[in-house]
């Protein structure tokens, strides 16, 4: 699978995207890219963030039987929007500029979901 191409395709969906990371089932980043110098995390925190995304996925799985499998999450923080997609054993995490409104982030999310479904299909 060409993770670099997937990351680049995701970045091309919007100039509001700041960071993309693809994480494997062990919680390790396999591909990532920063699109701006205003990135909020240092590199050592990015690795911890990847592990946290895998832990979050495991927590969300607790409810799979009763309400269905989780496919994506939109987190809103004071400084950033975070989109998280779960596809097969992979996690795709994207940060977007916080100035974007929720409708715009939802539109970005729809575009990214199409890319993910096509490439991870």
PDB file of N, CA and C in Angstrom:
ATOM      1  N   UNK A   1       0.847  -1.171   0.000  1.00  0.00           N
ATOM      2  CA  UNK A   1       0.000   0.000   0.000  1.00  0.00           C
ATOM      3  C   UNK A   1       0.898   1.240   0.000  1.00  0.00           C
ATOM      4  N   UNK A   2       0.534   2.215  -0.803  1.00  0.00           N
ATOM      5  CA  UNK A   2       1.347   3.421  -0.942  1.00  0.00           C
ATOM      6  C   UNK A   2       0.855   4.485   0.055  1.00  0.00           C
ATOM      7  N   UNK A   3       1.374   4.420   1.280  1.00  0.00           N
ATOM      8  CA  UNK A   3       0.940   5.327   2.335  1.00  0.00           C
ATOM      9  C   UNK A   3       1.301   6.783   2.026  1.00  0.00           C
ATOM     10  N   UNK A   4       2.431   6.995   1.400  1.00  0.00           N
ATOM     11  CA  UNK A   4       2.840   8.359   1.068  1.00  0.00           C
ATOM     12  C   UNK A   4       1.826   9.011   0.129  1.00  0.00           C
ATOM     13  N   UNK A   5       1.358   8.260  -0.863  1.00  0.00           N
ATOM     14  CA  UNK A   5       0.355   8.782  -1.799  1.00  0.00           C
ATOM     15  C   UNK A   5      -0.970   9.059  -1.081  1.00  0.00           C
ATOM     16  N   UNK A   6      -1.361   8.172  -0.198  1.00  0.00           N
ATOM     17  CA  UNK A   6      -2.603   8.371   0.552  1.00  0.00           C
ATOM     18  C   UNK A   6      -2.520   9.656   1.374  1.00  0.00           C
ATOM     19  N   UNK A   7      -1.411   9.845   2.078  1.00  0.00           N
ATOM     20  CA  UNK A   7      -1.219  11.059   2.886  1.00  0.00           C
ATOM     21  C   UNK A   7      -1.254  12.297   1.994  1.00  0.00           C
ATOM     22  N   UNK A   8      -0.548  12.244   0.867  1.00  0.00           N
ATOM     23  CA  UNK A   8      -0.535  13.393  -0.050  1.00  0.00           C
ATOM     24  C   UNK A   8      -1.926  13.686  -0.614  1.00  0.00           C
ATOM     25  N   UNK A   9      -2.679  12.646  -0.951  1.00  0.00           N
ATOM     26  CA  UNK A   9      -4.049  12.841  -1.460  1.00  0.00           C
ATOM     27  C   UNK A   9      -4.940  13.484  -0.406  1.00  0.00           C
ATOM     28  N   UNK A  10      -4.782  13.064   0.843  1.00  0.00           N
ATOM     29  CA  UNK A  10      -5.567  13.649   1.933  1.00  0.00           C
ATOM     30  C   UNK A  10      -5.220  15.121   2.098  1.00  0.00           C
ATOM     31  N   UNK A  11      -3.951  15.440   2.070  1.00  0.00           N
ATOM     32  CA  UNK A  11      -3.516  16.830   2.229  1.00  0.00           C
ATOM     33  C   UNK A  11      -4.084  17.715   1.123  1.00  0.00           C
ATOM     34  N   UNK A  12      -4.194  17.177  -0.073  1.00  0.00           N
ATOM     35  CA  UNK A  12      -4.709  17.957  -1.200  1.00  0.00           C
ATOM     36  C   UNK A  12      -6.200  18.300  -1.081  1.00  0.00           C
ATOM     37  N   UNK A  13      -6.915  17.653  -0.154  1.00  0.00           N
ATOM     38  CA  UNK A  13      -8.346  17.920  -0.030  1.00  0.00           C
ATOM     39  C   UNK A  13      -8.643  19.304   0.526  1.00  0.00           C
ATOM     40  N   UNK A  14      -7.702  19.883   1.295  1.00  0.00           N
ATOM     41  CA  UNK A  14      -7.970  21.208   1.874  1.00  0.00           C
ATOM     42  C   UNK A  14      -6.684  21.860   2.370  1.00  0.00           C
ATOM     43  N   UNK A  15      -6.609  23.163   2.201  1.00  0.00           N
ATOM     44  CA  UNK A  15      -5.458  23.897   2.748  1.00  0.00           C
ATOM     45  C   UNK A  15      -5.603  24.116   4.252  1.00  0.00           C
ATOM     46  N   UNK A  16      -6.693  23.653   4.846  1.00  0.00           N
ATOM     47  CA  UNK A  16      -6.881  23.731   6.297  1.00  0.00           C
ATOM     48  C   UNK A  16      -6.258  22.546   7.032  1.00  0.00           C
ATOM     49  N   UNK A  17      -5.821  21.526   6.299  1.00  0.00           N
ATOM     50  CA  UNK A  17      -5.192  20.360   6.911  1.00  0.00           C
ATOM     51  C   UNK A  17      -3.773  20.720   7.311  1.00  0.00           C
ATOM     52  N   UNK A  18      -3.425  20.366   8.548  1.00  0.00           N
ATOM     53  CA  UNK A  18      -2.110  20.702   9.090  1.00  0.00           C
ATOM     54  C   UNK A  18      -1.200  19.490   9.272  1.00  0.00           C
ATOM     55  N   UNK A  19      -1.794  18.324   9.488  1.00  0.00           N
ATOM     56  CA  UNK A  19      -0.996  17.139   9.810  1.00  0.00           C
ATOM     57  C   UNK A  19      -1.803  15.894   9.466  1.00  0.00           C
ATOM     58  N   UNK A  20      -1.110  14.896   8.923  1.00  0.00           N
ATOM     59  CA  UNK A  20      -1.738  13.600   8.638  1.00  0.00           C
ATOM     60  C   UNK A  20      -0.811  12.511   9.148  1.00  0.00           C
ATOM     61  N   UNK A  21      -1.391  11.503   9.812  1.00  0.00           N
ATOM     62  CA  UNK A  21      -0.604  10.367  10.284  1.00  0.00           C
ATOM     63  C   UNK A  21      -1.396   9.091  10.058  1.00  0.00           C
ATOM     64  N   UNK A  22      -0.731   8.070   9.543  1.00  0.00           N
ATOM     65  CA  UNK A  22      -1.317   6.732   9.429  1.00  0.00           C
ATOM     66  C   UNK A  22      -0.628   5.869  10.473  1.00  0.00           C
ATOM     67  N   UNK A  23      -1.437   5.175  11.269  1.00  0.00           N
ATOM     68  CA  UNK A  23      -0.959   4.425  12.425  1.00  0.00           C
ATOM     69  C   UNK A  23      -1.331   2.960  12.253  1.00  0.00           C
ATOM     70  N   UNK A  24      -0.394   2.069  12.582  1.00  0.00           N
ATOM     71  CA  UNK A  24      -0.674   0.635  12.463  1.00  0.00           C
ATOM     72  C   UNK A  24      -1.330   0.100  13.736  1.00  0.00           C
ATOM     73  N   UNK A  25      -1.630  -1.200  13.746  1.00  0.00           N
ATOM     74  CA  UNK A  25      -2.365  -1.777  14.864  1.00  0.00           C
ATOM     75  C   UNK A  25      -1.552  -1.864  16.152  1.00  0.00           C
ATOM     76  N   UNK A  26      -0.227  -1.664  16.062  1.00  0.00           N
ATOM     77  CA  UNK A  26       0.610  -1.627  17.262  1.00  0.00           C
ATOM     78  C   UNK A  26       0.712  -0.216  17.833  1.00  0.00           C
ATOM     79  N   UNK A  27       0.066   0.748  17.175  1.00  0.00           N
ATOM     80  CA  UNK A  27       0.115   2.127  17.645  1.00  0.00           C
ATOM     81  C   UNK A  27       1.360   2.871  17.195  1.00  0.00           C
ATOM     82  N   UNK A  28       1.974   2.400  16.101  1.00  0.00           N
ATOM     83  CA  UNK A  28       3.174   3.043  15.576  1.00  0.00           C
ATOM     84  C   UNK A  28       2.858   3.772  14.271  1.00  0.00           C
ATOM     85  N   UNK A  29       3.371   5.000  14.133  1.00  0.00           N
ATOM     86  CA  UNK A  29       3.144   5.715  12.875  1.00  0.00           C
ATOM     87  C   UNK A  29       3.879   5.033  11.723  1.00  0.00           C
ATOM     88  N   UNK A  30       3.192   4.828  10.601  1.00  0.00           N
ATOM     89  CA  UNK A  30       3.841   4.255   9.426  1.00  0.00           C
ATOM     90  C   UNK A  30       4.095   5.324   8.361  1.00  0.00           C
ATOM     91  N   UNK A  31       3.334   6.414   8.434  1.00  0.00           N
ATOM     92  CA  UNK A  31       3.542   7.535   7.508  1.00  0.00           C
ATOM     93  C   UNK A  31       2.925   8.765   8.146  1.00  0.00           C
ATOM     94  N   UNK A  32       3.622   9.882   8.032  1.00  0.00           N
ATOM     95  CA  UNK A  32       3.053  11.133   8.527  1.00  0.00           C
ATOM     96  C   UNK A  32       3.639  12.297   7.752  1.00  0.00           C
ATOM     97  N   UNK A  33       2.914  13.399   7.794  1.00  0.00           N
ATOM     98  CA  UNK A  33       3.387  14.589   7.096  1.00  0.00           C
ATOM     99  C   UNK A  33       2.778  15.822   7.753  1.00  0.00           C
ATOM    100  N   UNK A  34       3.628  16.820   7.948  1.00  0.00           N
ATOM    101  CA  UNK A  34       3.210  18.110   8.479  1.00  0.00           C
ATOM    102  C   UNK A  34       3.120  19.070   7.304  1.00  0.00           C
ATOM    103  N   UNK A  35       2.064  19.870   7.271  1.00  0.00           N
ATOM    104  CA  UNK A  35       1.883  20.771   6.132  1.00  0.00           C
ATOM    105  C   UNK A  35       2.150  22.227   6.467  1.00  0.00           C
ATOM    106  N   UNK A  36       2.541  22.506   7.700  1.00  0.00           N
ATOM    107  CA  UNK A  36       2.733  23.895   8.110  1.00  0.00           C
ATOM    108  C   UNK A  36       3.811  23.994   9.175  1.00  0.00           C
ATOM    109  N   UNK A  37       4.375  25.152   9.317  1.00  0.00           N
ATOM    110  CA  UNK A  37       5.360  25.371  10.373  1.00  0.00           C
ATOM    111  C   UNK A  37       4.697  25.634  11.718  1.00  0.00           C
ATOM    112  N   UNK A  38       3.386  25.770  11.725  1.00  0.00           N
ATOM    113  CA  UNK A  38       2.678  26.030  12.985  1.00  0.00           C
ATOM    114  C   UNK A  38       2.196  24.740  13.647  1.00  0.00           C
ATOM    115  N   UNK A  39       2.841  23.618  13.340  1.00  0.00           N
ATOM    116  CA  UNK A  39       2.481  22.337  13.933  1.00  0.00           C
ATOM    117  C   UNK A  39       2.622  22.416  15.448  1.00  0.00           C
ATOM    118  N   UNK A  40       1.668  21.911  16.189  1.00  0.00           N
ATOM    119  CA  UNK A  40       1.588  22.125  17.625  1.00  0.00           C
ATOM    120  C   UNK A  40       2.359  21.111  18.467  1.00  0.00           C
ATOM    121  N   UNK A  41       2.716  19.960  17.918  1.00  0.00           N
ATOM    122  CA  UNK A  41       3.368  18.916  18.699  1.00  0.00           C
ATOM    123  C   UNK A  41       4.829  18.742  18.296  1.00  0.00           C
ATOM    124  N   UNK A  42       5.646  18.422  19.272  1.00  0.00           N
ATOM    125  CA  UNK A  42       7.031  18.046  18.976  1.00  0.00           C
ATOM    126  C   UNK A  42       7.036  16.591  18.517  1.00  0.00           C
ATOM    127  N   UNK A  43       8.111  16.163  17.884  1.00  0.00           N
ATOM    128  CA  UNK A  43       8.148  14.817  17.293  1.00  0.00           C
ATOM    129  C   UNK A  43       7.946  13.711  18.320  1.00  0.00           C
ATOM    130  N   UNK A  44       8.493  13.869  19.531  1.00  0.00           N
ATOM    131  CA  UNK A  44       8.311  12.812  20.537  1.00  0.00           C
ATOM    132  C   UNK A  44       6.854  12.718  20.976  1.00  0.00           C
ATOM    133  N   UNK A  45       6.135  13.829  20.938  1.00  0.00           N
ATOM    134  CA  UNK A  45       4.720  13.786  21.278  1.00  0.00           C
ATOM    135  C   UNK A  45       3.890  13.152  20.172  1.00  0.00           C
ATOM    136  N   UNK A  46       4.336  13.281  18.938  1.00  0.00           N
ATOM    137  CA  UNK A  46       3.618  12.658  17.824  1.00  0.00           C
ATOM    138  C   UNK A  46       3.613  11.141  17.974  1.00  0.00           C
ATOM    139  N   UNK A  47       4.737  10.566  18.420  1.00  0.00           N
ATOM    140  CA  UNK A  47       4.795   9.117  18.634  1.00  0.00           C
ATOM    141  C   UNK A  47       3.853   8.694  19.752  1.00  0.00           C
ATOM    142  N   UNK A  48       3.817   9.471  20.816  1.00  0.00           N
ATOM    143  CA  UNK A  48       2.890   9.169  21.912  1.00  0.00           C
ATOM    144  C   UNK A  48       1.446   9.308  21.457  1.00  0.00           C
ATOM    145  N   UNK A  49       1.195  10.284  20.613  1.00  0.00           N
ATOM    146  CA  UNK A  49      -0.154  10.490  20.081  1.00  0.00           C
ATOM    147  C   UNK A  49      -0.611   9.280  19.279  1.00  0.00           C
ATOM    148  N   UNK A  50       0.285   8.697  18.510  1.00  0.00           N
ATOM    149  CA  UNK A  50      -0.056   7.499  17.739  1.00  0.00           C
ATOM    150  C   UNK A  50      -0.493   6.368  18.664  1.00  0.00           C
ATOM    151  N   UNK A  51       0.237   6.177  19.754  1.00  0.00           N
ATOM    152  CA  UNK A  51      -0.120   5.138  20.720  1.00  0.00           C
ATOM    153  C   UNK A  51      -1.463   5.469  21.379  1.00  0.00           C
ATOM    154  N   UNK A  52      -1.680   6.736  21.698  1.00  0.00           N
ATOM    155  CA  UNK A  52      -2.954   7.155  22.291  1.00  0.00           C
ATOM    156  C   UNK A  52      -4.127   6.870  21.353  1.00  0.00           C
ATOM    157  N   UNK A  53      -3.922   7.045  20.050  1.00  0.00           N
ATOM    158  CA  UNK A  53      -4.987   6.780  19.078  1.00  0.00           C
ATOM    159  C   UNK A  53      -5.364   5.303  19.093  1.00  0.00           C
ATOM    160  N   UNK A  54      -4.384   4.430  19.265  1.00  0.00           N
ATOM    161  CA  UNK A  54      -4.665   2.997  19.325  1.00  0.00           C
ATOM    162  C   UNK A  54      -5.400   2.648  20.622  1.00  0.00           C
ATOM    163  N   UNK A  55      -5.023   3.303  21.712  1.00  0.00           N
ATOM    164  CA  UNK A  55      -5.716   3.087  22.993  1.00  0.00           C
ATOM    165  C   UNK A  55      -7.163   3.564  22.893  1.00  0.00           C
ATOM    166  N   UNK A  56      -7.369   4.739  22.291  1.00  0.00           N
ATOM    167  CA  UNK A  56      -8.729   5.243  22.093  1.00  0.00           C
ATOM    168  C   UNK A  56      -9.556   4.256  21.274  1.00  0.00           C
ATOM    169  N   UNK A  57      -8.956   3.699  20.244  1.00  0.00           N
ATOM    170  CA  UNK A  57      -9.673   2.726  19.415  1.00  0.00           C
ATOM    171  C   UNK A  57     -10.120   1.531  20.245  1.00  0.00           C
ATOM    172  N   UNK A  58      -9.235   1.050  21.116  1.00  0.00           N
ATOM    173  CA  UNK A  58      -9.580  -0.097  21.952  1.00  0.00           C
ATOM    174  C   UNK A  58     -10.709   0.241  22.921  1.00  0.00           C
ATOM    175  N   UNK A  59     -10.692   1.448  23.463  1.00  0.00           N
ATOM    176  CA  UNK A  59     -11.776   1.867  24.349  1.00  0.00           C
ATOM    177  C   UNK A  59     -13.104   1.930  23.604  1.00  0.00           C
ATOM    178  N   UNK A  60     -13.085   2.457  22.401  1.00  0.00           N
ATOM    179  CA  UNK A  60     -14.309   2.574  21.622  1.00  0.00           C
ATOM    180  C   UNK A  60     -14.862   1.211  21.209  1.00  0.00           C
ATOM    181  N   UNK A  61     -14.001   0.206  21.097  1.00  0.00           N
ATOM    182  CA  UNK A  61     -14.440  -1.141  20.719  1.00  0.00           C
ATOM    183  C   UNK A  61     -15.318  -1.790  21.795  1.00  0.00           C
ATOM    184  N   UNK A  62     -15.255  -1.262  23.017  1.00  0.00           N
ATOM    185  CA  UNK A  62     -16.057  -1.826  24.096  1.00  0.00           C
ATOM    186  C   UNK A  62     -17.553  -1.808  23.758  1.00  0.00           C
ATOM    187  N   UNK A  63     -17.960  -0.894  22.889  1.00  0.00           N
ATOM    188  CA  UNK A  63     -19.374  -0.732  22.566  1.00  0.00           C
ATOM    189  C   UNK A  63     -19.739  -1.251  21.178  1.00  0.00           C
ATOM    190  N   UNK A  64     -18.814  -1.919  20.505  1.00  0.00           N
ATOM    191  CA  UNK A  64     -19.067  -2.410  19.153  1.00  0.00           C
ATOM    192  C   UNK A  64     -20.285  -3.324  19.074  1.00  0.00           C
ATOM    193  N   UNK A  65     -20.424  -4.221  20.027  1.00  0.00           N
ATOM    194  CA  UNK A  65     -21.543  -5.175  19.973  1.00  0.00           C
ATOM    195  C   UNK A  65     -22.888  -4.490  20.156  1.00  0.00           C
ATOM    196  N   UNK A  66     -22.955  -3.507  21.028  1.00  0.00           N
ATOM    197  CA  UNK A  66     -24.257  -2.908  21.333  1.00  0.00           C
ATOM    198  C   UNK A  66     -24.655  -1.798  20.359  1.00  0.00           C
ATOM    199  N   UNK A  67     -23.707  -0.979  19.884  1.00  0.00           N
ATOM    200  CA  UNK A  67     -24.088   0.140  19.017  1.00  0.00           C
ATOM    201  C   UNK A  67     -23.351   0.174  17.684  1.00  0.00           C
ATOM    202  N   UNK A  68     -22.579  -0.860  17.409  1.00  0.00           N
ATOM    203  CA  UNK A  68     -21.899  -0.939  16.124  1.00  0.00           C
ATOM    204  C   UNK A  68     -20.464  -0.417  16.176  1.00  0.00           C
ATOM    205  N   UNK A  69     -19.709  -0.853  15.202  1.00  0.00           N
ATOM    206  CA  UNK A  69     -18.292  -0.502  15.121  1.00  0.00           C
ATOM    207  C   UNK A  69     -18.116   0.985  14.825  1.00  0.00           C
ATOM    208  N   UNK A  70     -17.137   1.583  15.474  1.00  0.00           N
ATOM    209  CA  UNK A  70     -16.824   2.987  15.247  1.00  0.00           C
ATOM    210  C   UNK A  70     -16.005   3.118  13.961  1.00  0.00           C
ATOM    211  N   UNK A  71     -16.378   4.055  13.111  1.00  0.00           N
ATOM    212  CA  UNK A  71     -15.643   4.249  11.861  1.00  0.00           C
ATOM    213  C   UNK A  71     -14.850   5.545  11.829  1.00  0.00           C
ATOM    214  N   UNK A  72     -15.307   6.555  12.600  1.00  0.00           N
ATOM    215  CA  UNK A  72     -14.570   7.811  12.634  1.00  0.00           C
ATOM    216  C   UNK A  72     -14.949   8.631  13.859  1.00  0.00           C
ATOM    217  N   UNK A  73     -14.069   9.590  14.173  1.00  0.00           N
ATOM    218  CA  UNK A  73     -14.276  10.476  15.313  1.00  0.00           C
ATOM    219  C   UNK A  73     -13.847  11.877  14.889  1.00  0.00           C
ATOM    220  N   UNK A  74     -14.593  12.885  15.352  1.00  0.00           N
ATOM    221  CA  UNK A  74     -14.189  14.284  15.167  1.00  0.00           C
ATOM    222  C   UNK A  74     -14.016  14.880  16.552  1.00  0.00           C
ATOM    223  N   UNK A  75     -12.767  15.168  16.918  1.00  0.00           N
ATOM    224  CA  UNK A  75     -12.458  15.814  18.193  1.00  0.00           C
ATOM    225  C   UNK A  75     -12.269  17.300  17.949  1.00  0.00           C
ATOM    226  N   UNK A  76     -12.783  18.103  18.846  1.00  0.00           N
ATOM    227  CA  UNK A  76     -12.595  19.545  18.741  1.00  0.00           C
ATOM    228  C   UNK A  76     -11.823  19.993  19.976  1.00  0.00           C
ATOM    229  N   UNK A  77     -10.649  20.545  19.732  1.00  0.00           N
ATOM    230  CA  UNK A  77      -9.825  21.083  20.815  1.00  0.00           C
ATOM    231  C   UNK A  77      -9.748  22.592  20.634  1.00  0.00           C
ATOM    232  N   UNK A  78      -9.217  23.290  21.624  1.00  0.00           N
ATOM    233  CA  UNK A  78      -9.141  24.752  21.534  1.00  0.00           C
ATOM    234  C   UNK A  78      -8.300  25.217  20.354  1.00  0.00           C
ATOM    235  N   UNK A  79      -7.280  24.449  19.979  1.00  0.00           N
ATOM    236  CA  UNK A  79      -6.375  24.907  18.930  1.00  0.00           C
ATOM    237  C   UNK A  79      -6.437  24.106  17.636  1.00  0.00           C
ATOM    238  N   UNK A  80      -7.233  23.044  17.613  1.00  0.00           N
ATOM    239  CA  UNK A  80      -7.201  22.177  16.429  1.00  0.00           C
ATOM    240  C   UNK A  80      -8.450  21.295  16.360  1.00  0.00           C
ATOM    241  N   UNK A  81      -8.864  20.986  15.144  1.00  0.00           N
ATOM    242  CA  UNK A  81      -9.851  19.926  14.894  1.00  0.00           C
ATOM    243  C   UNK A  81      -9.040  18.666  14.602  1.00  0.00           C
ATOM    244  N   UNK A  82      -9.491  17.532  15.103  1.00  0.00           N
ATOM    245  CA  UNK A  82      -8.817  16.266  14.827  1.00  0.00           C
ATOM    246  C   UNK A  82      -9.848  15.298  14.262  1.00  0.00           C
ATOM    247  N   UNK A  83      -9.554  14.754  13.086  1.00  0.00           N
ATOM    248  CA  UNK A  83     -10.387  13.725  12.465  1.00  0.00           C
ATOM    249  C   UNK A  83      -9.649  12.405  12.583  1.00  0.00           C
ATOM    250  N   UNK A  84     -10.354  11.379  13.032  1.00  0.00           N
ATOM    251  CA  UNK A  84      -9.754  10.057  13.184  1.00  0.00           C
ATOM    252  C   UNK A  84     -10.642   9.070  12.435  1.00  0.00           C
ATOM    253  N   UNK A  85     -10.015   8.303  11.539  1.00  0.00           N
ATOM    254  CA  UNK A  85     -10.732   7.284  10.774  1.00  0.00           C
ATOM    255  C   UNK A  85     -10.150   5.923  11.111  1.00  0.00           C
ATOM    256  N   UNK A  86     -11.045   4.960  11.330  1.00  0.00           N
ATOM    257  CA  UNK A  86     -10.647   3.579  11.603  1.00  0.00           C
ATOM    258  C   UNK A  86     -11.003   2.744  10.385  1.00  0.00           C
ATOM    259  N   UNK A  87     -10.000   2.157   9.764  1.00  0.00           N
ATOM    260  CA  UNK A  87     -10.246   1.323   8.590  1.00  0.00           C
ATOM    261  C   UNK A  87      -9.345   0.089   8.667  1.00  0.00           C
ATOM    262  N   UNK A  88     -10.006  -1.056   8.735  1.00  0.00           N
ATOM    263  CA  UNK A  88      -9.319  -2.328   8.943  1.00  0.00           C
ATOM    264  C   UNK A  88      -8.421  -2.191  10.164  1.00  0.00           C
ATOM    265  N   UNK A  89      -7.139  -2.522  10.043  1.00  0.00           N
ATOM    266  CA  UNK A  89      -6.241  -2.424  11.203  1.00  0.00           C
ATOM    267  C   UNK A  89      -5.571  -1.059  11.319  1.00  0.00           C
ATOM    268  N   UNK A  90      -5.912  -0.147  10.440  1.00  0.00           N
ATOM    269  CA  UNK A  90      -5.245   1.154  10.374  1.00  0.00           C
ATOM    270  C   UNK A  90      -6.059   2.260  11.025  1.00  0.00           C
ATOM    271  N   UNK A  91      -5.333   3.277  11.489  1.00  0.00           N
ATOM    272  CA  UNK A  91      -5.945   4.513  11.970  1.00  0.00           C
ATOM    273  C   UNK A  91      -5.359   5.641  11.132  1.00  0.00           C
ATOM    274  N   UNK A  92      -6.222   6.491  10.618  1.00  0.00           N
ATOM    275  CA  UNK A  92      -5.772   7.668   9.874  1.00  0.00           C
ATOM    276  C   UNK A  92      -6.212   8.881  10.687  1.00  0.00           C
ATOM    277  N   UNK A  93      -5.235   9.674  11.109  1.00  0.00           N
ATOM    278  CA  UNK A  93      -5.505  10.841  11.934  1.00  0.00           C
ATOM    279  C   UNK A  93      -5.108  12.103  11.176  1.00  0.00           C
ATOM    280  N   UNK A  94      -5.991  13.082  11.189  1.00  0.00           N
ATOM    281  CA  UNK A  94      -5.772  14.325  10.456  1.00  0.00           C
ATOM    282  C   UNK A  94      -6.080  15.483  11.392  1.00  0.00           C
ATOM    283  N   UNK A  95      -5.203  16.474  11.427  1.00  0.00           N
ATOM    284  CA  UNK A  95      -5.531  17.690  12.165  1.00  0.00           C
ATOM    285  C   UNK A  95      -5.830  18.798  11.168  1.00  0.00           C
ATOM    286  N   UNK A  96      -6.799  19.621  11.534  1.00  0.00           N
ATOM    287  CA  UNK A  96      -7.212  20.758  10.705  1.00  0.00           C
ATOM    288  C   UNK A  96      -7.140  22.033  11.532  1.00  0.00           C
ATOM    289  N   UNK A  97      -6.916  23.120  10.846  1.00  0.00           N
ATOM    290  CA  UNK A  97      -6.850  24.426  11.487  1.00  0.00           C
ATOM    291  C   UNK A  97      -8.136  24.694  12.270  1.00  0.00           C
ATOM    292  N   UNK A  98      -8.010  25.210  13.466  1.00  0.00           N
ATOM    293  CA  UNK A  98      -9.167  25.435  14.344  1.00  0.00           C
ATOM    294  C   UNK A  98     -10.068  26.563  13.840  1.00  0.00           C
ATOM    295  N   UNK A  99      -9.577  27.386  12.935  1.00  0.00           N
ATOM    296  CA  UNK A  99     -10.412  28.463  12.395  1.00  0.00           C
ATOM    297  C   UNK A  99     -11.532  27.929  11.502  1.00  0.00           C
ATOM    298  N   UNK A 100     -11.402  26.690  11.064  1.00  0.00           N
ATOM    299  CA  UNK A 100     -12.439  26.087  10.216  1.00  0.00           C
ATOM    300  C   UNK A 100     -13.705  25.851  11.032  1.00  0.00           C
ATOM    301  N   UNK A 101     -14.847  26.139  10.428  1.00  0.00           N
ATOM    302  CA  UNK A 101     -16.102  25.850  11.117  1.00  0.00           C
ATOM    303  C   UNK A 101     -16.429  24.366  10.961  1.00  0.00           C
ATOM    304  N   UNK A 102     -17.358  23.896  11.751  1.00  0.00           N
ATOM    305  CA  UNK A 102     -17.679  22.456  11.770  1.00  0.00           C
ATOM    306  C   UNK A 102     -18.236  21.961  10.438  1.00  0.00           C
ATOM    307  N   UNK A 103     -18.980  22.800   9.751  1.00  0.00           N
ATOM    308  CA  UNK A 103     -19.511  22.396   8.441  1.00  0.00           C
ATOM    309  C   UNK A 103     -18.361  22.156   7.459  1.00  0.00           C
ATOM    310  N   UNK A 104     -17.390  23.043   7.460  1.00  0.00           N
ATOM    311  CA  UNK A 104     -16.228  22.881   6.576  1.00  0.00           C
ATOM    312  C   UNK A 104     -15.454  21.618   6.939  1.00  0.00           C
ATOM    313  N   UNK A 105     -15.271  21.384   8.233  1.00  0.00           N
ATOM    314  CA  UNK A 105     -14.558  20.177   8.672  1.00  0.00           C
ATOM    315  C   UNK A 105     -15.338  18.927   8.261  1.00  0.00           C
ATOM    316  N   UNK A 106     -16.664  18.979   8.330  1.00  0.00           N
ATOM    317  CA  UNK A 106     -17.486  17.840   7.895  1.00  0.00           C
ATOM    318  C   UNK A 106     -17.306  17.590   6.399  1.00  0.00           C
ATOM    319  N   UNK A 107     -17.225  18.637   5.604  1.00  0.00           N
ATOM    320  CA  UNK A 107     -16.998  18.482   4.166  1.00  0.00           C
ATOM    321  C   UNK A 107     -15.613  17.887   3.898  1.00  0.00           C
ATOM    322  N   UNK A 108     -14.608  18.343   4.631  1.00  0.00           N
ATOM    323  CA  UNK A 108     -13.255  17.782   4.506  1.00  0.00           C
ATOM    324  C   UNK A 108     -13.288  16.302   4.881  1.00  0.00           C
ATOM    325  N   UNK A 109     -13.996  15.996   5.958  1.00  0.00           N
ATOM    326  CA  UNK A 109     -14.108  14.615   6.427  1.00  0.00           C
ATOM    327  C   UNK A 109     -14.733  13.712   5.360  1.00  0.00           C
ATOM    328  N   UNK A 110     -15.778  14.185   4.684  1.00  0.00           N
ATOM    329  CA  UNK A 110     -16.413  13.405   3.614  1.00  0.00           C
ATOM    330  C   UNK A 110     -15.426  13.111   2.486  1.00  0.00           C
ATOM    331  N   UNK A 111     -14.642  14.103   2.098  1.00  0.00           N
ATOM    332  CA  UNK A 111     -13.647  13.914   1.031  1.00  0.00           C
ATOM    333  C   UNK A 111     -12.587  12.902   1.449  1.00  0.00           C
ATOM    334  N   UNK A 112     -12.129  13.021   2.684  1.00  0.00           N
ATOM    335  CA  UNK A 112     -11.098  12.104   3.185  1.00  0.00           C
ATOM    336  C   UNK A 112     -11.645  10.683   3.254  1.00  0.00           C
ATOM    337  N   UNK A 113     -12.878  10.543   3.703  1.00  0.00           N
ATOM    338  CA  UNK A 113     -13.485   9.212   3.798  1.00  0.00           C
ATOM    339  C   UNK A 113     -13.530   8.523   2.430  1.00  0.00           C
ATOM    340  N   UNK A 114     -13.809   9.272   1.380  1.00  0.00           N
ATOM    341  CA  UNK A 114     -13.815   8.699   0.026  1.00  0.00           C
ATOM    342  C   UNK A 114     -12.421   8.223  -0.371  1.00  0.00           C
ATOM    343  N   UNK A 115     -11.406   8.999  -0.043  1.00  0.00           N
ATOM    344  CA  UNK A 115     -10.024   8.600  -0.347  1.00  0.00           C
ATOM    345  C   UNK A 115      -9.673   7.329   0.417  1.00  0.00           C
ATOM    346  N   UNK A 116      -9.996   7.310   1.684  1.00  0.00           N
ATOM    347  CA  UNK A 116      -9.679   6.149   2.533  1.00  0.00           C
ATOM    348  C   UNK A 116     -10.405   4.893   2.040  1.00  0.00           C
ATOM    349  N   UNK A 117     -11.677   5.021   1.721  1.00  0.00           N
ATOM    350  CA  UNK A 117     -12.427   3.864   1.244  1.00  0.00           C
ATOM    351  C   UNK A 117     -11.877   3.336  -0.074  1.00  0.00           C
ATOM    352  N   UNK A 118     -11.432   4.240  -0.936  1.00  0.00           N
ATOM    353  CA  UNK A 118     -10.860   3.830  -2.227  1.00  0.00           C
ATOM    354  C   UNK A 118      -9.501   3.155  -2.037  1.00  0.00           C
ATOM    355  N   UNK A 119      -8.636   3.757  -1.219  1.00  0.00           N
ATOM    356  CA  UNK A 119      -7.263   3.262  -1.100  1.00  0.00           C
ATOM    357  C   UNK A 119      -7.108   2.083  -0.150  1.00  0.00           C
ATOM    358  N   UNK A 120      -7.927   2.024   0.890  1.00  0.00           N
ATOM    359  CA  UNK A 120      -7.831   0.908   1.832  1.00  0.00           C
ATOM    360  C   UNK A 120      -8.826  -0.192   1.490  1.00  0.00           C
ATOM    361  N   UNK A 121      -9.850   0.186   0.674  1.00  0.00           N
ATOM    362  CA  UNK A 121     -10.928  -0.670   0.224  1.00  0.00           C
ATOM    363  C   UNK A 121     -10.836  -2.056   0.589  1.00  0.00           C
TER     364      UNK A 121
END
